[in-house]
Amino acid sequence: MADIIPFRLKLTGDTADQHQFQGYDGYMALAGFAWTLALIANYTETGKIRQRGEFPGRDAVRASAPSEGSIIADFTVWLQQNPAEVLGLTGAGIGAAGSALLYDVVRRVIDRNLGQNERSGGPLLDQLVRRRAGDIEALVAKVEPAIRQTHAVIGNGATRMQIIGGHNIINTYDEGTRDYVRLNVLDEKEKERDFSVSAFNVNSGYGSVFDNDLKRNVPISMSREVLRNVSSVFTWGLDQYANKTGGRVTIRYTRILAMDDTPKRYIVLSAKRMRK
C-alpha cells in the first residue's frame, strides 16, 4: 500500500494576491517543484539517482489544480517502498519512516542548494548522511536546475513561495534565494589547499569538503577525466574523515561563487594525499 505524502506551495505577493500569476513562468515554476520532488522521491524509493527517461519518481508525484488563497498548489508523493529499508537504514521508527525521511531529505537538498546552514533532521536522516553523504551531494547537484526553475515565478507573479511539507514549512523562496540560485560567478583563478573530505560519490565525483575558513562544508564536483585520476585519493580522504584519523587531501581547484563572493562549489582539477 502506498504511503501518500503531501506537499504544498503557497504563492503570495504581486498578482498572486489576486489569485493569478504569469502563465508561462508560473507553470514552469510548478513543474520545477514537481521535478524536484520526482528526483528526490526516486532516490528515497530506489536508492538510485536518475534524471532521464522513465523512472519510478516520475510516476510517484501527483499534482492538483492550483486553487485560490493566494495561489495554492498541492502535490502528493506516492511511495510504494519504505525508504528506510531501501536505503539500508536501521533502528527504531523505520516501519513508518516514509514521510519523515522524505521531508528531511527534501529539506536538506533545498537547504544545500540555497547555501543555507544544514538544519538537523531525524535520526534516520543523520544515519543516511553518515552512510551515503556522497549520494546526498550528488542529489543536491542534480536537483539544482529544478530549484532554479521553481524560482521562475518569483518576480513574475509572486514575491514569496512557501514550501510546506505536511504541517511544517520546509523553506521559503523569495528574491534573495532566486538571486542566489540564478547567479554563478566563475572564478578561474586556481587555488590549492588542504581539506577534509566530508562526502564523496565515487560514481559521479560529487561530494563536499570541510572548509576551515568558512567553518562549513562546500560542495565539490569534477570532470570525468579528473574523477578517474583522483577517485582513490578522495575515497582515502573520506575514510580518514569517517574514522577521525585526521588525514586530509591537497586539492587544486577553481571556484563557483555567489554574487557576494561566497563559495558555492569547488571544481576539482587535481588532488593528492596531504603530506604530513
C-alpha atoms as a PDB file:
ATOM      1  CA  MET A   1       0.000   0.000   0.000  1.00  0.00           C
ATOM      2  CA  ALA A   2       1.385   3.408  -0.995  1.00  0.00           C
ATOM      3  CA  ASP A   3       2.468   5.947   1.578  1.00  0.00           C
ATOM      4  CA  ILE A   4       0.855   9.208   0.384  1.00  0.00           C
ATOM      5  CA  ILE A   5       2.901  12.233   1.456  1.00  0.00           C
ATOM      6  CA  PRO A   6       1.509  15.774   0.963  1.00  0.00           C
ATOM      7  CA  PHE A   7       3.379  18.906  -0.092  1.00  0.00           C
ATOM      8  CA  ARG A   8       2.005  22.377  -0.710  1.00  0.00           C
ATOM      9  CA  LEU A   9       3.276  25.512  -2.418  1.00  0.00           C
ATOM     10  CA  LYS A  10       1.746  28.798  -1.281  1.00  0.00           C
ATOM     11  CA  LEU A  11       2.492  31.797  -3.514  1.00  0.00           C
ATOM     12  CA  THR A  12       1.915  35.315  -2.212  1.00  0.00           C
ATOM     13  CA  GLY A  13       2.646  38.891  -3.282  1.00  0.00           C
ATOM     14  CA  ASP A  14       2.306  40.624  -6.661  1.00  0.00           C
ATOM     15  CA  THR A  15      -0.547  39.222  -8.792  1.00  0.00           C
ATOM     16  CA  ALA A  16      -0.631  36.021  -6.725  1.00  0.00           C
ATOM     17  CA  ASP A  17      -2.646  38.042  -4.198  1.00  0.00           C
ATOM     18  CA  GLN A  18      -5.308  38.296  -6.919  1.00  0.00           C
ATOM     19  CA  HIS A  19      -5.001  34.519  -7.465  1.00  0.00           C
ATOM     20  CA  GLN A  20      -3.057  34.928 -10.717  1.00  0.00           C
ATOM     21  CA  PHE A  21       0.497  34.548 -11.978  1.00  0.00           C
ATOM     22  CA  GLN A  22       2.233  34.840 -15.343  1.00  0.00           C
ATOM     23  CA  GLY A  23       1.128  31.750 -17.179  1.00  0.00           C
ATOM     24  CA  TYR A  24       4.425  30.508 -18.582  1.00  0.00           C
ATOM     25  CA  ASP A  25       6.679  31.347 -15.647  1.00  0.00           C
ATOM     26  CA  GLY A  26       4.056  30.272 -13.113  1.00  0.00           C
ATOM     27  CA  TYR A  27       3.502  26.838 -14.558  1.00  0.00           C
ATOM     28  CA  MET A  28       7.216  26.383 -15.232  1.00  0.00           C
ATOM     29  CA  ALA A  29       7.773  27.017 -11.529  1.00  0.00           C
ATOM     30  CA  LEU A  30       5.203  24.400 -10.551  1.00  0.00           C
ATOM     31  CA  ALA A  31       6.805  21.945 -12.980  1.00  0.00           C
ATOM     32  CA  GLY A  32      10.206  22.690 -11.453  1.00  0.00           C
ATOM     33  CA  PHE A  33       8.932  21.836  -7.992  1.00  0.00           C
ATOM     34  CA  ALA A  34       7.300  18.646  -9.263  1.00  0.00           C
ATOM     35  CA  TRP A  35      10.638  17.657 -10.804  1.00  0.00           C
ATOM     36  CA  THR A  36      12.417  18.401  -7.507  1.00  0.00           C
ATOM     37  CA  LEU A  37      10.050  16.009  -5.760  1.00  0.00           C
ATOM     38  CA  ALA A  38      10.379  13.398  -8.518  1.00  0.00           C
ATOM     39  CA  LEU A  39      14.177  13.258  -8.322  1.00  0.00           C
ATOM     40  CA  ILE A  40      14.227  13.096  -4.525  1.00  0.00           C
ATOM     41  CA  ALA A  41      11.349  10.628  -4.312  1.00  0.00           C
ATOM     42  CA  ASN A  42      13.086   8.345  -6.785  1.00  0.00           C
ATOM     43  CA  TYR A  43      16.228   8.309  -4.664  1.00  0.00           C
ATOM     44  CA  THR A  44      14.382   7.588  -1.426  1.00  0.00           C
ATOM     45  CA  GLU A  45      12.377   4.798  -3.074  1.00  0.00           C
ATOM     46  CA  THR A  46      15.102   3.138  -5.147  1.00  0.00           C
ATOM     47  CA  GLY A  47      18.415   4.313  -3.726  1.00  0.00           C
ATOM     48  CA  LYS A  48      19.385   5.487  -7.231  1.00  0.00           C
ATOM     49  CA  ILE A  49      19.762   8.962  -8.699  1.00  0.00           C
ATOM     50  CA  ARG A  50      18.009   9.323 -12.045  1.00  0.00           C
ATOM     51  CA  GLN A  51      17.041  12.325 -14.137  1.00  0.00           C
ATOM     52  CA  ARG A  52      16.413  10.956 -17.613  1.00  0.00           C
ATOM     53  CA  GLY A  53      13.930   8.564 -19.161  1.00  0.00           C
ATOM     54  CA  GLU A  54      11.252   6.746 -17.253  1.00  0.00           C
ATOM     55  CA  PHE A  55      11.867   6.092 -13.568  1.00  0.00           C
ATOM     56  CA  PRO A  56       9.627   5.490 -10.531  1.00  0.00           C
ATOM     57  CA  GLY A  57       9.948   9.045  -9.199  1.00  0.00           C
ATOM     58  CA  ARG A  58       8.186  10.472 -12.263  1.00  0.00           C
ATOM     59  CA  ASP A  59       5.101   8.396 -11.530  1.00  0.00           C
ATOM     60  CA  ALA A  60       5.261   8.970  -7.779  1.00  0.00           C
ATOM     61  CA  VAL A  61       4.476  12.711  -7.889  1.00  0.00           C
ATOM     62  CA  ARG A  62       0.905  13.831  -8.473  1.00  0.00           C
ATOM     63  CA  ALA A  63      -0.461  17.374  -8.596  1.00  0.00           C
ATOM     64  CA  SER A  64      -3.828  19.008  -8.027  1.00  0.00           C
ATOM     65  CA  ALA A  65      -5.083  22.071  -9.906  1.00  0.00           C
ATOM     66  CA  PRO A  66      -3.934  25.357  -8.287  1.00  0.00           C
ATOM     67  CA  SER A  67      -6.526  26.986  -6.044  1.00  0.00           C
ATOM     68  CA  GLU A  68      -7.078  30.426  -4.540  1.00  0.00           C
ATOM     69  CA  GLY A  69      -5.636  31.694  -1.328  1.00  0.00           C
ATOM     70  CA  SER A  70      -3.432  33.451  -2.671  1.00  0.00           C
ATOM     71  CA  ILE A  71      -2.295  30.674  -5.022  1.00  0.00           C
ATOM     72  CA  ILE A  72      -2.061  27.218  -3.521  1.00  0.00           C
ATOM     73  CA  ALA A  73      -0.676  24.239  -5.407  1.00  0.00           C
ATOM     74  CA  ASP A  74      -0.922  20.820  -3.757  1.00  0.00           C
ATOM     75  CA  PHE A  75       1.283  17.848  -4.593  1.00  0.00           C
ATOM     76  CA  THR A  76       1.426  14.319  -3.256  1.00  0.00           C
ATOM     77  CA  VAL A  77       4.220  11.793  -3.414  1.00  0.00           C
ATOM     78  CA  TRP A  78       3.053   8.174  -3.575  1.00  0.00           C
ATOM     79  CA  LEU A  79       5.839   5.977  -2.231  1.00  0.00           C
ATOM     80  CA  GLN A  80       5.452   2.281  -2.937  1.00  0.00           C
ATOM     81  CA  GLN A  81       8.539   1.261  -0.949  1.00  0.00           C
ATOM     82  CA  ASN A  82       9.766   2.074   2.543  1.00  0.00           C
ATOM     83  CA  PRO A  83      12.745   4.442   2.076  1.00  0.00           C
ATOM     84  CA  ALA A  84      14.492   3.328   5.253  1.00  0.00           C
ATOM     85  CA  GLU A  85      14.511  -0.286   4.109  1.00  0.00           C
ATOM     86  CA  VAL A  86      15.579   0.603   0.558  1.00  0.00           C
ATOM     87  CA  LEU A  87      18.457   2.746   1.822  1.00  0.00           C
ATOM     88  CA  GLY A  88      19.571   0.146   4.362  1.00  0.00           C
ATOM     89  CA  LEU A  89      18.796   2.203   7.452  1.00  0.00           C
ATOM     90  CA  THR A  90      18.236   0.558  10.812  1.00  0.00           C
ATOM     91  CA  GLY A  91      16.832   1.381  14.218  1.00  0.00           C
ATOM     92  CA  ALA A  92      13.576   2.496  15.759  1.00  0.00           C
ATOM     93  CA  GLY A  93      10.922   4.029  13.559  1.00  0.00           C
ATOM     94  CA  ILE A  94      11.892   2.521  10.215  1.00  0.00           C
ATOM     95  CA  GLY A  95       8.457   0.952   9.794  1.00  0.00           C
ATOM     96  CA  ALA A  96       6.824   4.377   9.469  1.00  0.00           C
ATOM     97  CA  ALA A  97       9.788   6.261   8.033  1.00  0.00           C
ATOM     98  CA  GLY A  98       8.347   7.292   4.660  1.00  0.00           C
ATOM     99  CA  SER A  99       7.023  10.798   5.247  1.00  0.00           C
ATOM    100  CA  ALA A 100       9.521  11.909   7.900  1.00  0.00           C
ATOM    101  CA  LEU A 101      12.556  10.776   5.907  1.00  0.00           C
ATOM    102  CA  LEU A 102      11.274  12.219   2.622  1.00  0.00           C
ATOM    103  CA  TYR A 103      10.567  15.586   4.268  1.00  0.00           C
ATOM    104  CA  ASP A 104      14.038  15.565   5.818  1.00  0.00           C
ATOM    105  CA  VAL A 105      15.773  14.764   2.521  1.00  0.00           C
ATOM    106  CA  VAL A 106      13.776  17.423   0.636  1.00  0.00           C
ATOM    107  CA  ARG A 107      14.699  19.972   3.314  1.00  0.00           C
ATOM    108  CA  ARG A 108      18.386  19.011   3.223  1.00  0.00           C
ATOM    109  CA  VAL A 109      18.598  19.150  -0.588  1.00  0.00           C
ATOM    110  CA  ILE A 110      16.889  22.555  -0.751  1.00  0.00           C
ATOM    111  CA  ASP A 111      18.982  23.976   2.096  1.00  0.00           C
ATOM    112  CA  ARG A 112      22.187  22.882   0.374  1.00  0.00           C
ATOM    113  CA  ASN A 113      21.130  24.418  -2.939  1.00  0.00           C
ATOM    114  CA  LEU A 114      20.319  27.735  -1.263  1.00  0.00           C
ATOM    115  CA  GLY A 115      23.651  27.861   0.558  1.00  0.00           C
ATOM    116  CA  GLN A 116      21.912  27.729   3.920  1.00  0.00           C
ATOM    117  CA  ASN A 117      23.096  26.092   7.099  1.00  0.00           C
ATOM    118  CA  GLU A 118      22.084  22.456   7.249  1.00  0.00           C
ATOM    119  CA  ARG A 119      19.260  22.027   9.738  1.00  0.00           C
ATOM    120  CA  SER A 120      19.152  18.900  11.832  1.00  0.00           C
ATOM    121  CA  GLY A 121      16.640  16.236  10.911  1.00  0.00           C
ATOM    122  CA  GLY A 122      15.557  12.983  12.440  1.00  0.00           C
ATOM    123  CA  PRO A 123      17.892  10.120  13.392  1.00  0.00           C
ATOM    124  CA  LEU A 124      17.280   8.358  10.075  1.00  0.00           C
ATOM    125  CA  LEU A 125      18.499  11.387   8.122  1.00  0.00           C
ATOM    126  CA  ASP A 126      21.593  11.549  10.317  1.00  0.00           C
ATOM    127  CA  GLN A 127      22.221   7.875   9.611  1.00  0.00           C
ATOM    128  CA  LEU A 128      21.651   8.376   5.882  1.00  0.00           C
ATOM    129  CA  VAL A 129      24.127  11.257   5.766  1.00  0.00           C
ATOM    130  CA  ARG A 130      26.745   9.235   7.642  1.00  0.00           C
ATOM    131  CA  ARG A 131      26.366   6.288   5.300  1.00  0.00           C
ATOM    132  CA  ARG A 132      25.609   7.985   1.984  1.00  0.00           C
ATOM    133  CA  ALA A 133      26.740  11.596   2.206  1.00  0.00           C
ATOM    134  CA  GLY A 134      28.134  11.351  -1.326  1.00  0.00           C
ATOM    135  CA  ASP A 135      24.704  10.350  -2.622  1.00  0.00           C
ATOM    136  CA  ILE A 136      23.140  13.386  -0.967  1.00  0.00           C
ATOM    137  CA  GLU A 137      25.708  15.705  -2.546  1.00  0.00           C
ATOM    138  CA  ALA A 138      25.105  14.124  -5.962  1.00  0.00           C
ATOM    139  CA  LEU A 139      21.361  14.570  -5.461  1.00  0.00           C
ATOM    140  CA  VAL A 140      21.863  18.220  -4.473  1.00  0.00           C
ATOM    141  CA  ALA A 141      23.694  18.837  -7.742  1.00  0.00           C
ATOM    142  CA  LYS A 142      21.119  17.033  -9.890  1.00  0.00           C
ATOM    143  CA  VAL A 143      18.213  18.924  -8.295  1.00  0.00           C
ATOM    144  CA  GLU A 144      19.819  22.371  -8.696  1.00  0.00           C
ATOM    145  CA  PRO A 145      18.298  23.112 -12.167  1.00  0.00           C
ATOM    146  CA  ALA A 146      14.820  22.191 -10.912  1.00  0.00           C
ATOM    147  CA  ILE A 147      15.175  24.516  -7.917  1.00  0.00           C
ATOM    148  CA  ARG A 148      16.325  27.296 -10.229  1.00  0.00           C
ATOM    149  CA  GLN A 149      13.291  26.637 -12.444  1.00  0.00           C
ATOM    150  CA  THR A 150      10.945  26.750  -9.451  1.00  0.00           C
ATOM    151  CA  HIS A 151      12.104  30.317  -8.828  1.00  0.00           C
ATOM    152  CA  ALA A 152      10.795  31.397 -12.261  1.00  0.00           C
ATOM    153  CA  VAL A 153       7.605  32.764 -10.732  1.00  0.00           C
ATOM    154  CA  ILE A 154       9.419  34.947  -8.189  1.00  0.00           C
ATOM    155  CA  GLY A 155       9.186  38.435  -9.642  1.00  0.00           C
ATOM    156  CA  ASN A 156       6.795  37.134 -12.313  1.00  0.00           C
ATOM    157  CA  GLY A 157       3.557  36.943 -10.384  1.00  0.00           C
ATOM    158  CA  ALA A 158       4.685  36.271  -6.827  1.00  0.00           C
ATOM    159  CA  THR A 159       7.234  37.582  -4.344  1.00  0.00           C
ATOM    160  CA  ARG A 160       7.266  34.611  -1.953  1.00  0.00           C
ATOM    161  CA  MET A 161       6.740  30.888  -2.224  1.00  0.00           C
ATOM    162  CA  GLN A 162       6.334  28.827   0.915  1.00  0.00           C
ATOM    163  CA  ILE A 163       7.138  25.137   0.601  1.00  0.00           C
ATOM    164  CA  ILE A 164       5.107  23.184   3.120  1.00  0.00           C
ATOM    165  CA  GLY A 165       5.560  19.522   3.944  1.00  0.00           C
ATOM    166  CA  GLY A 166       2.655  18.193   5.965  1.00  0.00           C
ATOM    167  CA  HIS A 167       2.177  20.854   8.634  1.00  0.00           C
ATOM    168  CA  ASN A 168       5.687  22.328   8.570  1.00  0.00           C
ATOM    169  CA  ILE A 169       7.340  24.962   6.401  1.00  0.00           C
ATOM    170  CA  ILE A 170      10.307  23.343   4.660  1.00  0.00           C
ATOM    171  CA  ASN A 171      11.667  26.560   3.151  1.00  0.00           C
ATOM    172  CA  THR A 172      10.643  29.849   1.569  1.00  0.00           C
ATOM    173  CA  TYR A 173      11.722  31.083  -1.857  1.00  0.00           C
ATOM    174  CA  ASP A 174      11.963  34.838  -2.396  1.00  0.00           C
ATOM    175  CA  GLU A 175      14.050  37.343  -4.358  1.00  0.00           C
ATOM    176  CA  GLY A 176      17.114  36.605  -2.229  1.00  0.00           C
ATOM    177  CA  THR A 177      17.049  32.862  -2.845  1.00  0.00           C
ATOM    178  CA  ARG A 178      16.211  33.471  -6.519  1.00  0.00           C
ATOM    179  CA  ASP A 179      19.296  35.645  -6.973  1.00  0.00           C
ATOM    180  CA  TYR A 180      21.449  33.079  -5.165  1.00  0.00           C
ATOM    181  CA  VAL A 181      20.457  30.136  -7.353  1.00  0.00           C
ATOM    182  CA  ARG A 182      20.444  32.128 -10.590  1.00  0.00           C
ATOM    183  CA  LEU A 183      23.876  33.690 -10.380  1.00  0.00           C
ATOM    184  CA  ASN A 184      27.022  31.613 -10.656  1.00  0.00           C
ATOM    185  CA  VAL A 185      30.258  33.611 -10.853  1.00  0.00           C
ATOM    186  CA  LEU A 186      33.123  31.528 -12.210  1.00  0.00           C
ATOM    187  CA  ASP A 187      36.445  32.306 -10.536  1.00  0.00           C
ATOM    188  CA  GLU A 188      39.017  30.618 -12.780  1.00  0.00           C
ATOM    189  CA  LYS A 189      41.978  31.536 -10.616  1.00  0.00           C
ATOM    190  CA  GLU A 190      43.477  28.241  -9.492  1.00  0.00           C
ATOM    191  CA  LYS A 191      43.906  27.668  -5.779  1.00  0.00           C
ATOM    192  CA  GLU A 192      45.469  24.872  -3.742  1.00  0.00           C
ATOM    193  CA  ARG A 193      44.551  23.989  -0.175  1.00  0.00           C
ATOM    194  CA  ASP A 194      44.192  21.066   2.199  1.00  0.00           C
ATOM    195  CA  PHE A 195      40.701  19.836   3.085  1.00  0.00           C
ATOM    196  CA  SER A 196      38.957  17.085   4.974  1.00  0.00           C
ATOM    197  CA  VAL A 197      36.703  15.078   2.641  1.00  0.00           C
ATOM    198  CA  SER A 198      33.252  15.034   4.262  1.00  0.00           C
ATOM    199  CA  ALA A 199      31.386  13.345   1.393  1.00  0.00           C
ATOM    200  CA  PHE A 200      32.210  11.687  -1.914  1.00  0.00           C
ATOM    201  CA  ASN A 201      30.330   9.727  -4.565  1.00  0.00           C
ATOM    202  CA  VAL A 202      32.800   7.600  -6.473  1.00  0.00           C
ATOM    203  CA  ASN A 203      30.481   7.213  -9.477  1.00  0.00           C
ATOM    204  CA  SER A 204      29.720  10.894 -10.081  1.00  0.00           C
ATOM    205  CA  GLY A 205      32.573  12.793  -8.423  1.00  0.00           C
ATOM    206  CA  TYR A 206      30.150  14.928  -6.436  1.00  0.00           C
ATOM    207  CA  GLY A 207      30.876  15.416  -2.777  1.00  0.00           C
ATOM    208  CA  SER A 208      31.900  18.022  -0.232  1.00  0.00           C
ATOM    209  CA  VAL A 209      34.936  19.153   1.702  1.00  0.00           C
ATOM    210  CA  PHE A 210      35.090  20.935   5.032  1.00  0.00           C
ATOM    211  CA  ASP A 211      36.463  24.455   4.655  1.00  0.00           C
ATOM    212  CA  ASN A 212      38.084  25.517   7.930  1.00  0.00           C
ATOM    213  CA  ASP A 213      37.975  29.197   6.966  1.00  0.00           C
ATOM    214  CA  LEU A 214      34.249  29.124   6.271  1.00  0.00           C
ATOM    215  CA  LYS A 215      33.539  26.603   9.049  1.00  0.00           C
ATOM    216  CA  ARG A 216      31.201  24.648   6.798  1.00  0.00           C
ATOM    217  CA  ASN A 217      31.074  22.013   4.087  1.00  0.00           C
ATOM    218  CA  VAL A 218      31.413  23.209   0.492  1.00  0.00           C
ATOM    219  CA  PRO A 219      30.193  21.066  -2.438  1.00  0.00           C
ATOM    220  CA  ILE A 220      32.733  19.780  -4.931  1.00  0.00           C
ATOM    221  CA  SER A 221      32.490  18.409  -8.457  1.00  0.00           C
ATOM    222  CA  MET A 222      34.932  17.350 -11.143  1.00  0.00           C
ATOM    223  CA  SER A 223      35.133  16.221 -14.734  1.00  0.00           C
ATOM    224  CA  ARG A 224      35.060  12.536 -15.640  1.00  0.00           C
ATOM    225  CA  GLU A 225      38.731  12.670 -16.566  1.00  0.00           C
ATOM    226  CA  VAL A 226      39.688  14.169 -13.208  1.00  0.00           C
ATOM    227  CA  LEU A 227      37.484  11.647 -11.417  1.00  0.00           C
ATOM    228  CA  ARG A 228      39.381   8.760 -12.989  1.00  0.00           C
ATOM    229  CA  ASN A 229      42.652  10.201 -11.706  1.00  0.00           C
ATOM    230  CA  VAL A 230      41.654  11.176  -8.173  1.00  0.00           C
ATOM    231  CA  SER A 231      38.822   8.863  -7.089  1.00  0.00           C
ATOM    232  CA  SER A 232      41.155   6.747  -4.943  1.00  0.00           C
ATOM    233  CA  VAL A 233      42.508   9.891  -3.264  1.00  0.00           C
ATOM    234  CA  PHE A 234      39.029  11.075  -2.301  1.00  0.00           C
ATOM    235  CA  THR A 235      37.973   7.599  -1.186  1.00  0.00           C
ATOM    236  CA  TRP A 236      41.007   7.565   1.103  1.00  0.00           C
ATOM    237  CA  GLY A 237      40.170  11.066   2.353  1.00  0.00           C
ATOM    238  CA  LEU A 238      36.588  10.097   3.106  1.00  0.00           C
ATOM    239  CA  ASP A 239      37.783   7.065   5.061  1.00  0.00           C
ATOM    240  CA  GLN A 240      40.125   9.327   7.020  1.00  0.00           C
ATOM    241  CA  TYR A 241      37.225  11.677   7.790  1.00  0.00           C
ATOM    242  CA  ALA A 242      34.854   8.878   8.805  1.00  0.00           C
ATOM    243  CA  ASN A 243      37.410   7.286  11.119  1.00  0.00           C
ATOM    244  CA  LYS A 244      38.581  10.655  12.510  1.00  0.00           C
ATOM    245  CA  THR A 245      42.198   9.825  11.746  1.00  0.00           C
ATOM    246  CA  GLY A 246      42.998  13.334  10.542  1.00  0.00           C
ATOM    247  CA  GLY A 247      44.221  12.648   7.008  1.00  0.00           C
ATOM    248  CA  ARG A 248      43.456  15.431   4.558  1.00  0.00           C
ATOM    249  CA  VAL A 249      43.601  15.886   0.805  1.00  0.00           C
ATOM    250  CA  THR A 250      45.507  18.604  -1.029  1.00  0.00           C
ATOM    251  CA  ILE A 251      43.231  19.895  -3.769  1.00  0.00           C
ATOM    252  CA  ARG A 252      43.930  22.182  -6.724  1.00  0.00           C
ATOM    253  CA  TYR A 253      40.654  23.801  -7.727  1.00  0.00           C
ATOM    254  CA  THR A 254      38.709  26.725  -9.139  1.00  0.00           C
ATOM    255  CA  ARG A 255      35.522  28.142  -7.618  1.00  0.00           C
ATOM    256  CA  ILE A 256      31.919  28.960  -8.431  1.00  0.00           C
ATOM    257  CA  LEU A 257      30.838  31.935  -6.338  1.00  0.00           C
ATOM    258  CA  ALA A 258      27.575  33.585  -5.376  1.00  0.00           C
ATOM    259  CA  MET A 259      27.139  37.278  -6.141  1.00  0.00           C
ATOM    260  CA  ASP A 260      28.534  38.176  -2.696  1.00  0.00           C
ATOM    261  CA  ASP A 261      31.691  36.116  -3.445  1.00  0.00           C
ATOM    262  CA  THR A 262      30.603  33.314  -1.121  1.00  0.00           C
ATOM    263  CA  PRO A 263      31.840  29.967  -2.500  1.00  0.00           C
ATOM    264  CA  LYS A 264      29.022  27.804  -3.850  1.00  0.00           C
ATOM    265  CA  ARG A 265      31.135  24.982  -5.262  1.00  0.00           C
ATOM    266  CA  TYR A 266      34.765  23.991  -5.756  1.00  0.00           C
ATOM    267  CA  ILE A 267      35.700  22.493  -9.127  1.00  0.00           C
ATOM    268  CA  VAL A 268      38.474  19.951  -8.553  1.00  0.00           C
ATOM    269  CA  LEU A 269      41.342  19.957 -11.048  1.00  0.00           C
ATOM    270  CA  SER A 270      43.680  17.560  -9.232  1.00  0.00           C
ATOM    271  CA  ALA A 271      44.168  16.066  -5.786  1.00  0.00           C
ATOM    272  CA  LYS A 272      46.716  14.164  -3.734  1.00  0.00           C
ATOM    273  CA  ARG A 273      47.108  12.962  -0.184  1.00  0.00           C
ATOM    274  CA  MET A 274      48.420  15.741   2.042  1.00  0.00           C
ATOM    275  CA  ARG A 275      51.999  15.288   3.107  1.00  0.00           C
ATOM    276  CA  LYS A 276      52.442  15.209   6.861  1.00  0.00           C
END
